Structures are given as C-alpha cells and as structure tokens.
Amino acid sequence: MARSKSTAEQRRYPRVPEVLPVAVARGSWQFRAKTVNVSCGGVLCVVGRPLPLMTRVALTLELPRRLVRCRGAVVRCRPAAAARGQRRSQAYRVAVLFMEMKPEDHRAVAEFVLQSMLGGRRDRRRR
C-alpha cells in the first residue's frame, strides 16, 4: 500500500516556533491570541473558542518591529491538549492560511521567519 507524503513534505513554507501576540477578528467579535508557529503562508495560534473551517478572519500579527494586518481562512481547528489534572482544555489550536496580505507585509513576515530560522530570535521565543 502506498504511503502519502508526510505533513512536513506537503507544506509550501517552513514554519518557525515563535510566540507572538495576534488579534483575530470576524464581524463584531475580536479576541487576542498567541501564535504557536509562524510561516509565510499562515499561523498556528491558540484561541479560546473553536472556529469553523474556512471561516474568514482578519488578523493583526505583532512582529517585533511591525504590525501585519491581513485576511485569512481557518484551515484547521483542534482542541489543545489539556493541562495536567484538567479534564478538558478550553483552548483550541487554530491554523489560519493567509489569503490577502500587502506585499510589504508578506516581505516582513518572510524576513521574520528567515531571521528566526537563522537563530536571530532565540531570545524572544518565550514571552
């Protein structure tokens, strides 16, 4: 039986494990979250409520020297692992694919990811 490509092999962009503040908004609601990882194609973040697949959201990602505003779509939403001793977590790991972003913002995200990959961000990973 043939095996499918691993998730890592299917990714278009490399991810870096960086914790950054991000605001997620849709219509009249907005909430703050933290990223788990960042790539040029999107972010994985932890939020306090589930979001339906393909929900369009507005993101404001706080890079160290720049705010990046863009639009994206939820492509994955799974419950986060519960902390030890808890029955169930109230958090969700939500993957958002970037859909609309200004070229200069995309460039800023790419530079941020590259710097992180080169080790220039090690001191900021845990905020």
Protein backbone atom coordinates (compact mmCIF):
# COMPACT_ATOMS: atom_id res chain seq x y z
CA MET A 1 0.00 0.00 0.00
CA ALA A 2 1.44 3.41 -0.97
CA ARG A 3 2.03 5.93 1.78
CA SER A 4 1.04 9.54 1.38
CA LYS A 5 3.53 12.36 1.81
CA SER A 6 4.08 13.47 5.37
CA THR A 7 2.56 16.74 6.53
CA ALA A 8 6.01 18.36 6.57
CA GLU A 9 6.61 17.37 2.94
CA GLN A 10 3.28 18.87 1.89
CA ARG A 11 3.98 22.28 3.39
CA ARG A 12 4.83 25.06 0.97
CA TYR A 13 6.61 27.24 3.55
CA PRO A 14 8.81 26.38 6.53
CA ARG A 15 7.38 27.10 9.97
CA VAL A 16 9.20 28.60 12.94
CA PRO A 17 8.12 28.10 16.57
CA GLU A 18 7.51 31.69 17.66
CA VAL A 19 5.12 33.01 20.28
CA LEU A 20 3.70 36.34 19.11
CA PRO A 21 0.54 38.27 20.01
CA VAL A 22 -2.15 38.17 17.34
CA ALA A 23 -5.63 39.68 17.22
CA VAL A 24 -8.27 37.59 15.43
CA ALA A 25 -11.49 39.25 14.29
CA ARG A 26 -14.64 38.28 12.42
CA GLY A 27 -17.62 40.58 12.14
CA SER A 28 -18.43 42.04 15.53
CA TRP A 29 -16.16 39.81 17.63
CA GLN A 30 -12.45 40.12 18.24
CA PHE A 31 -10.10 38.36 20.62
CA ARG A 32 -6.42 38.19 21.45
CA ALA A 33 -4.39 35.03 20.90
CA LYS A 34 -0.80 33.82 20.79
CA THR A 35 0.92 32.11 17.90
CA VAL A 36 2.45 28.66 18.25
CA ASN A 37 4.29 28.92 14.95
CA VAL A 38 4.56 31.28 12.00
CA SER A 39 5.25 30.78 8.29
CA CYS A 40 4.98 32.86 5.15
CA GLY A 41 1.74 31.02 4.42
CA GLY A 42 -0.05 31.35 7.74
CA VAL A 43 -0.02 30.95 11.51
CA LEU A 44 -0.97 28.38 14.08
CA CYS A 45 -2.40 30.06 17.16
CA VAL A 46 -4.13 29.15 20.40
CA VAL A 47 -7.57 30.69 20.88
CA GLY A 48 -10.29 30.37 23.49
CA ARG A 49 -13.10 29.25 21.21
CA PRO A 50 -13.50 26.91 18.25
CA LEU A 51 -13.69 28.43 14.79
CA PRO A 52 -15.44 26.64 11.93
CA LEU A 53 -13.32 25.52 8.98
CA MET A 54 -12.99 28.06 6.16
CA THR A 55 -14.16 30.91 8.39
CA ARG A 56 -12.70 34.14 7.02
CA VAL A 57 -10.92 36.18 9.69
CA ALA A 58 -8.93 39.40 9.92
CA LEU A 59 -5.56 39.05 11.65
CA THR A 60 -3.26 41.62 13.22
CA LEU A 61 0.07 39.92 13.86
CA GLU A 62 2.51 41.72 16.15
CA LEU A 63 6.00 41.25 14.75
CA PRO A 64 8.79 42.82 16.85
CA ARG A 65 9.07 45.95 14.68
CA ARG A 66 5.83 45.96 12.70
CA LEU A 67 2.12 45.21 12.84
CA VAL A 68 1.00 42.99 9.98
CA ARG A 69 -2.67 43.16 9.04
CA CYS A 70 -4.14 40.59 6.69
CA ARG A 71 -7.09 38.36 5.98
CA GLY A 72 -7.07 34.61 6.22
CA ALA A 73 -9.15 31.46 6.39
CA VAL A 74 -9.31 28.85 9.14
CA VAL A 75 -7.97 25.61 7.69
CA ARG A 76 -7.74 23.56 10.90
CA CYS A 77 -9.22 23.76 14.40
CA ARG A 78 -8.50 21.18 17.09
CA PRO A 79 -8.80 21.20 20.86
CA ALA A 80 -5.49 22.00 22.53
CA ALA A 81 -4.11 19.39 24.91
CA ALA A 82 -5.50 19.80 28.41
CA ALA A 83 -3.11 20.76 31.17
CA ARG A 84 -2.19 18.02 33.61
CA GLY A 85 -5.03 17.42 36.06
CA GLN A 86 -7.69 19.05 33.87
CA ARG A 87 -10.41 17.04 32.20
CA ARG A 88 -10.64 19.19 29.13
CA SER A 89 -8.87 22.21 27.71
CA GLN A 90 -10.81 25.39 26.95
CA ALA A 91 -8.29 26.29 24.24
CA TYR A 92 -8.14 25.44 20.55
CA ARG A 93 -5.22 25.26 18.15
CA VAL A 94 -6.35 27.11 15.03
CA ALA A 95 -4.41 27.18 11.76
CA VAL A 96 -5.09 30.23 9.60
CA LEU A 97 -3.96 30.40 5.98
CA PHE A 98 -3.02 33.90 4.81
CA MET A 99 -5.35 34.88 1.94
CA GLU A 100 -4.91 38.64 1.46
CA MET A 101 -1.76 40.48 2.50
CA LYS A 102 0.07 43.54 1.24
CA PRO A 103 3.40 42.69 -0.43
CA GLU A 104 5.35 44.71 2.14
CA ASP A 105 3.66 42.82 4.99
CA HIS A 106 4.40 39.48 3.32
CA ARG A 107 8.02 40.57 3.00
CA ALA A 108 8.12 41.49 6.71
CA VAL A 109 6.77 38.05 7.67
CA ALA A 110 9.31 36.37 5.36
CA GLU A 111 12.17 38.36 6.91
CA PHE A 112 10.93 37.50 10.40
CA VAL A 113 10.77 33.76 9.56
CA LEU A 114 14.23 33.84 7.98
CA GLN A 115 15.76 35.61 11.00
CA SER A 116 14.17 33.06 13.28
CA MET A 117 15.48 30.18 11.17
CA LEU A 118 18.96 31.67 11.29
CA GLY A 119 18.82 31.83 15.07
CA GLY A 120 18.43 35.57 15.47
CA ARG A 121 15.23 35.24 17.52
CA ARG A 122 16.16 32.64 20.13
CA ASP A 123 15.90 35.17 22.97
CA ARG A 124 12.27 36.06 22.11
CA ARG A 125 10.65 32.65 21.65
CA ARG A 126 9.16 32.51 25.14
CA ARG A 127 7.38 35.71 26.06
